[in-house]
Amino acid sequence: MPDLLCVGETMLLLAPSAGPLAASDAYSVSMAGAESNVAVHAAGLGITAGWTSRVGDDPFGARIVGELRERGVEVEAQVDATAPTGIMFKDPHPDGSRVLYYRRESAASKMDAGFVTRETLRDARIVHTSGVTPALSDSCARMVDDLFDLARECGALVSFDVNDRRPLWPLDRASVALERLADAADIGFVGRDEAERLWGTTTAEEIRERLPHVALLVVKDGAVGATAFCTGYAPVFVPAPVVDVVEPVGAGDAFAAGFLAGLLAGETDEACLAAGHRAAAHALSTPHDLPPLELQR
């Protein structure tokens, strides 16, 4: 059973091979999902990682499940014959890529309390999810609350990445829900920029004041660095390495995977932050959210 269990939706991702969506005739096909990204990166770092969710009874769901397994992730997925696998399109632009979601009423959006069982959590040391999941539906929000409680009953730490996705829900709802969940986690990840958008905070210290109960809080500040606030200890800051950025999407998930891998190995907060930076730097230097499949086979 996995040491790290990741829970959340994964979609099929289509991106034009060249130019914008409106003018492209050829597309690359991959997958996109914050939690499965963490699982894949962690598996690449030698961690026994698992992913659980729901997919549609369609070729897209089968492709996602098959590829995650090929990448070394232990998969437990429910197949829904009545709801589809979500799909995401990336529309590249010189000023930044735009994404289009087709995930309403997807199979994963129908996860509910009780979806994750004690058997699924058996032997997991860390359970990871993100703010994307409760934004998908009311039932997914209930599932996340249930997951927090059950994980702790089973002796696992709860890891939560705020991961605010603006198109998914109104800012007022997201602000309240994400603050509550991040503060209730054992390990929390949040970007300084998204915290400013959500709560009006401007520094890592202000974010810590906003989230005083999470035992280990990691505040990421892009190219500046990251700070770990561990209850009872002085904050630890590690600067980010200089990286020629090819594509920023996916770096946050890689950072979380690197940090959690270090934590599972018993490393210090400083070493965990450095591991997170290394994983993020690798993700930033490639055009893909995940490393090429052949490198993980």
Protein backbone atom coordinates (compact mmCIF):
# COMPACT_ATOMS: atom_id res chain seq x y z
CA MET A 1 0.00 0.00 0.00
CA PRO A 2 1.28 3.54 -0.73
CA ASP A 3 3.06 5.72 1.81
CA LEU A 4 1.57 8.75 0.02
CA LEU A 5 -2.05 8.59 -1.13
CA CYS A 6 -3.32 11.39 -3.41
CA VAL A 7 -7.05 11.99 -3.89
CA GLY A 8 -8.57 14.15 -6.63
CA GLU A 9 -9.78 14.45 -10.21
CA THR A 10 -7.56 13.81 -13.21
CA MET A 11 -8.68 14.94 -16.66
CA LEU A 12 -7.59 14.24 -20.18
CA LEU A 13 -5.53 17.22 -21.41
CA LEU A 14 -5.42 18.27 -25.05
CA ALA A 15 -3.03 20.97 -26.24
CA PRO A 16 -2.43 22.16 -29.82
CA SER A 17 0.83 20.99 -31.32
CA ALA A 18 1.47 24.52 -32.62
CA GLY A 19 -0.33 27.83 -32.27
CA PRO A 20 -3.67 28.60 -30.63
CA LEU A 21 -6.60 26.20 -30.37
CA ALA A 22 -8.65 28.11 -32.94
CA ALA A 23 -6.03 27.56 -35.66
CA SER A 24 -4.66 24.10 -34.80
CA ASP A 25 -5.37 20.83 -36.59
CA ALA A 26 -3.12 18.63 -34.42
CA TYR A 27 -3.09 18.10 -30.67
CA SER A 28 -0.93 16.41 -28.06
CA VAL A 29 -2.80 14.27 -25.53
CA SER A 30 -1.80 13.89 -21.89
CA MET A 31 -3.47 14.20 -18.50
CA ALA A 32 -3.95 16.94 -15.95
CA GLY A 33 -4.73 16.73 -12.26
CA ALA A 34 -3.04 18.39 -9.28
CA GLU A 35 -3.18 15.33 -7.06
CA SER A 36 -2.13 12.81 -9.71
CA ASN A 37 0.74 15.15 -10.66
CA VAL A 38 1.97 14.96 -7.06
CA ALA A 39 1.67 11.17 -7.12
CA VAL A 40 3.63 10.88 -10.38
CA HIS A 41 6.43 13.19 -9.25
CA ALA A 42 6.64 11.40 -5.90
CA ALA A 43 6.82 8.01 -7.61
CA GLY A 44 9.64 9.37 -9.77
CA LEU A 45 11.49 10.26 -6.57
CA GLY A 46 11.21 6.71 -5.29
CA ILE A 47 8.19 7.18 -3.02
CA THR A 48 5.47 4.51 -2.97
CA ALA A 49 2.64 6.72 -4.19
CA GLY A 50 -1.01 6.04 -4.90
CA TRP A 51 -3.93 7.89 -6.48
CA THR A 52 -7.64 7.31 -6.01
CA SER A 53 -10.56 8.95 -7.79
CA ARG A 54 -13.41 8.23 -10.18
CA VAL A 55 -13.32 8.14 -14.00
CA GLY A 56 -15.89 7.62 -16.70
CA ASP A 57 -16.41 4.31 -18.48
CA ASP A 58 -14.72 5.73 -21.57
CA PRO A 59 -11.35 5.62 -23.37
CA PHE A 60 -10.23 8.80 -21.60
CA GLY A 61 -10.60 7.28 -18.13
CA ALA A 62 -8.91 4.08 -19.28
CA ARG A 63 -6.00 6.06 -20.68
CA ILE A 64 -5.53 8.01 -17.43
CA VAL A 65 -5.61 4.88 -15.28
CA GLY A 66 -3.22 3.04 -17.61
CA GLU A 67 -0.72 5.86 -17.85
CA LEU A 68 -0.63 6.47 -14.09
CA ARG A 69 0.12 2.79 -13.56
CA GLU A 70 2.84 2.93 -16.21
CA ARG A 71 4.34 5.83 -14.29
CA GLY A 72 4.62 3.74 -11.15
CA VAL A 73 1.56 5.05 -9.31
CA GLU A 74 -0.70 2.60 -7.47
CA VAL A 75 -4.23 3.30 -8.74
CA GLU A 76 -7.61 2.64 -7.16
CA ALA A 77 -10.28 4.16 -9.42
CA GLN A 78 -14.03 3.70 -9.54
CA VAL A 79 -15.44 3.54 -13.07
CA ASP A 80 -18.76 5.33 -13.59
CA ALA A 81 -20.91 4.18 -16.53
CA THR A 82 -23.20 7.20 -16.19
CA ALA A 83 -20.76 10.14 -16.07
CA PRO A 84 -17.77 11.08 -18.26
CA THR A 85 -14.11 11.63 -17.56
CA GLY A 86 -13.34 15.36 -17.45
CA ILE A 87 -11.48 16.99 -20.34
CA MET A 88 -9.26 20.08 -20.33
CA PHE A 89 -7.93 22.08 -23.28
CA LYS A 90 -4.87 24.31 -23.14
CA ASP A 91 -4.89 27.37 -25.41
CA PRO A 92 -1.32 28.72 -25.68
CA HIS A 93 -0.74 32.46 -25.97
CA PRO A 94 2.45 34.56 -25.78
CA ASP A 95 1.06 36.31 -22.70
CA GLY A 96 0.19 33.04 -20.96
CA SER A 97 -1.81 29.91 -21.63
CA ARG A 98 -5.57 29.84 -21.11
CA VAL A 99 -7.33 26.65 -20.02
CA LEU A 100 -10.84 25.50 -20.84
CA TYR A 101 -12.50 22.94 -18.56
CA TYR A 102 -15.15 20.44 -19.59
CA ARG A 103 -15.63 18.74 -16.24
CA ARG A 104 -19.13 19.67 -15.07
CA GLU A 105 -20.97 16.54 -13.85
CA SER A 106 -17.83 14.47 -14.45
CA ALA A 107 -17.40 11.11 -12.78
CA ALA A 108 -14.89 12.56 -10.32
CA SER A 109 -17.24 15.41 -9.37
CA LYS A 110 -19.58 12.78 -7.93
CA MET A 111 -17.18 11.67 -5.20
CA ASP A 112 -18.91 11.96 -1.81
CA ALA A 113 -18.35 11.24 1.86
CA GLY A 114 -17.44 7.59 2.26
CA PHE A 115 -15.70 7.38 -1.13
CA VAL A 116 -12.31 6.83 0.52
CA THR A 117 -12.42 3.84 2.86
CA ARG A 118 -10.27 2.59 5.71
CA GLU A 119 -8.99 -0.16 3.43
CA THR A 120 -7.84 2.41 0.86
CA LEU A 121 -6.06 4.36 3.60
CA ARG A 122 -4.39 1.30 5.11
CA ASP A 123 -0.68 1.93 5.70
CA ALA A 124 -0.78 5.45 4.15
CA ARG A 125 1.48 7.81 6.08
CA ILE A 126 0.38 10.97 4.27
CA VAL A 127 -2.91 11.65 2.47
CA HIS A 128 -2.75 14.55 0.00
CA THR A 129 -5.50 16.54 -1.70
CA SER A 130 -5.95 20.11 -2.89
CA GLY A 131 -8.36 23.01 -3.10
CA VAL A 132 -9.37 21.91 -6.58
CA THR A 133 -11.33 18.97 -5.17
CA PRO A 134 -13.86 20.74 -2.88
CA ALA A 135 -14.50 23.24 -5.68
CA LEU A 136 -15.83 20.54 -8.02
CA SER A 137 -19.16 19.94 -6.25
CA ASP A 138 -20.90 19.94 -2.89
CA SER A 139 -20.43 16.18 -2.68
CA CYS A 140 -16.68 16.53 -3.29
CA ALA A 141 -16.53 19.11 -0.51
CA ARG A 142 -18.18 16.60 1.81
CA MET A 143 -15.71 13.95 0.66
CA VAL A 144 -12.75 16.17 1.58
CA ASP A 145 -14.10 16.82 5.08
CA ASP A 146 -14.68 13.09 5.54
CA LEU A 147 -11.19 12.35 4.20
CA PHE A 148 -9.56 14.67 6.77
CA ASP A 149 -11.35 12.90 9.63
CA LEU A 150 -10.83 9.35 8.37
CA ALA A 151 -7.15 9.86 7.52
CA ARG A 152 -6.42 10.96 11.07
CA GLU A 153 -8.41 8.07 12.51
CA CYS A 154 -6.21 5.77 10.42
CA GLY A 155 -3.01 7.43 11.67
CA ALA A 156 -2.11 9.36 8.51
CA LEU A 157 -1.09 13.00 8.21
CA VAL A 158 -3.31 15.23 6.05
CA SER A 159 -1.55 17.30 3.38
CA PHE A 160 -3.52 20.07 1.67
CA ASP A 161 -2.43 22.36 -1.16
CA VAL A 162 -4.64 25.47 -1.40
CA ASN A 163 -4.32 25.41 -5.21
CA ASP A 164 -6.98 28.06 -5.85
CA ARG A 165 -8.53 27.72 -9.30
CA ARG A 166 -10.45 30.91 -10.04
CA PRO A 167 -12.75 29.55 -12.78
CA LEU A 168 -14.13 26.83 -10.49
CA TRP A 169 -15.94 28.83 -7.80
CA PRO A 170 -16.68 32.38 -6.58
CA LEU A 171 -13.93 34.14 -4.65
CA ASP A 172 -16.03 34.64 -1.52
CA ARG A 173 -16.80 30.90 -1.23
CA ALA A 174 -13.24 29.87 -2.09
CA SER A 175 -11.73 32.25 0.47
CA VAL A 176 -13.71 30.82 3.38
CA ALA A 177 -13.51 27.15 2.39
CA LEU A 178 -9.81 27.13 1.54
CA GLU A 179 -8.85 28.96 4.73
CA ARG A 180 -10.77 26.44 6.83
CA LEU A 181 -9.27 23.41 5.10
CA ALA A 182 -5.70 24.72 4.99
CA ASP A 183 -5.80 25.58 8.70
CA ALA A 184 -7.26 22.15 9.54
CA ALA A 185 -4.52 20.20 7.71
CA ASP A 186 -1.35 18.77 9.25
CA ILE A 187 0.73 19.95 6.29
CA GLY A 188 -0.36 22.96 4.22
CA PHE A 189 0.97 24.44 0.98
CA VAL A 190 -0.01 27.89 -0.28
CA GLY A 191 1.42 30.37 -2.76
CA ARG A 192 2.00 33.89 -1.46
CA ASP A 193 0.27 35.31 -4.54
CA GLU A 194 -2.86 33.15 -4.22
CA ALA A 195 -3.05 33.92 -0.50
CA GLU A 196 -3.03 37.64 -1.33
CA ARG A 197 -5.85 37.09 -3.81
CA LEU A 198 -7.87 35.02 -1.36
CA TRP A 199 -7.23 36.74 1.97
CA GLY A 200 -5.42 40.01 1.30
CA THR A 201 -2.20 38.86 2.98
CA THR A 202 1.08 40.13 1.54
CA THR A 203 3.83 38.31 3.45
CA ALA A 204 4.55 34.76 4.57
CA GLU A 205 4.25 35.91 8.18
CA GLU A 206 0.77 37.33 7.58
CA ILE A 207 -0.29 34.04 6.00
CA ARG A 208 0.96 32.17 9.07
CA GLU A 209 -1.12 34.48 11.27
CA ARG A 210 -4.11 33.67 9.08
CA LEU A 211 -3.45 29.92 9.34
CA PRO A 212 -2.18 29.42 12.91
CA HIS A 213 -3.30 25.84 13.51
CA VAL A 214 -1.76 23.88 10.62
CA ALA A 215 1.27 22.18 12.19
CA LEU A 216 3.54 22.56 9.16
CA LEU A 217 2.78 25.41 6.76
CA VAL A 218 4.77 25.96 3.57
CA VAL A 219 4.45 29.35 1.88
CA LYS A 220 5.77 29.41 -1.68
CA ASP A 221 6.86 32.73 -3.19
CA GLY A 222 7.72 31.87 -6.78
CA ALA A 223 11.26 32.68 -7.81
CA VAL A 224 12.01 34.19 -4.37
CA GLY A 225 11.85 30.98 -2.33
CA ALA A 226 9.72 29.16 0.22
CA THR A 227 9.25 29.36 3.98
CA ALA A 228 8.28 26.52 6.33
CA PHE A 229 6.47 27.37 9.56
CA CYS A 230 6.53 24.42 11.96
CA THR A 231 4.67 24.78 15.25
CA GLY A 232 7.14 25.30 18.10
CA TYR A 233 10.10 26.14 15.86
CA ALA A 234 11.53 29.19 14.13
CA PRO A 235 10.51 29.63 10.46
CA VAL A 236 12.89 28.25 7.85
CA PHE A 237 13.42 29.98 4.50
CA VAL A 238 15.18 28.45 1.49
CA PRO A 239 15.67 30.56 -1.65
CA ALA A 240 14.57 29.19 -5.01
CA PRO A 241 17.28 28.29 -7.53
CA VAL A 242 17.59 30.35 -10.70
CA VAL A 243 15.70 28.59 -13.50
CA ASP A 244 15.07 29.40 -17.16
CA VAL A 245 11.29 28.96 -17.12
CA VAL A 246 9.85 27.12 -20.12
CA GLU A 247 6.35 26.45 -18.70
CA PRO A 248 5.19 27.38 -15.16
CA VAL A 249 2.19 25.02 -14.99
CA GLY A 250 2.77 22.02 -12.74
CA ALA A 251 5.68 23.43 -10.73
CA GLY A 252 3.60 23.72 -7.56
CA ASP A 253 2.63 20.05 -7.71
CA ALA A 254 6.25 19.06 -8.29
CA PHE A 255 7.30 21.18 -5.29
CA ALA A 256 4.73 19.48 -3.06
CA ALA A 257 5.93 16.06 -4.21
CA GLY A 258 9.56 16.91 -3.50
CA PHE A 259 8.74 18.33 -0.08
CA LEU A 260 6.57 15.37 0.92
CA ALA A 261 9.20 12.92 -0.32
CA GLY A 262 11.72 14.59 1.95
CA LEU A 263 9.28 14.52 4.85
CA LEU A 264 8.63 10.81 4.38
CA ALA A 265 12.39 10.23 4.37
CA GLY A 266 12.72 12.02 7.73
CA GLU A 267 14.55 15.06 6.37
CA THR A 268 14.70 18.45 8.08
CA ASP A 269 12.36 21.26 7.01
CA GLU A 270 15.30 22.95 5.27
CA ALA A 271 16.12 19.78 3.32
CA CYS A 272 12.44 19.27 2.43
CA LEU A 273 12.21 22.82 1.07
CA ALA A 274 15.37 22.27 -0.98
CA ALA A 275 13.92 19.01 -2.34
CA GLY A 276 10.73 20.86 -3.28
CA HIS A 277 12.72 23.51 -5.11
CA ARG A 278 14.70 20.90 -7.06
CA ALA A 279 11.54 19.13 -8.17
CA ALA A 280 9.87 22.42 -9.12
CA ALA A 281 12.94 23.59 -11.04
CA HIS A 282 12.88 20.43 -13.13
CA ALA A 283 9.18 20.97 -13.90
CA LEU A 284 9.75 24.63 -14.79
CA SER A 285 12.48 23.75 -17.29
CA THR A 286 10.25 21.52 -19.45
CA PRO A 287 7.12 22.28 -21.51
CA HIS A 288 5.17 19.44 -19.87
CA ASP A 289 3.31 19.15 -16.56
CA LEU A 290 4.89 15.71 -16.13
CA PRO A 291 8.17 14.18 -17.31
CA PRO A 292 7.97 12.17 -20.55
CA LEU A 293 6.44 8.74 -19.91
CA GLU A 294 9.45 6.86 -21.27
CA LEU A 295 11.62 8.32 -18.49
CA GLN A 296 9.41 6.70 -15.82
CA ARG A 297 8.92 3.30 -17.43
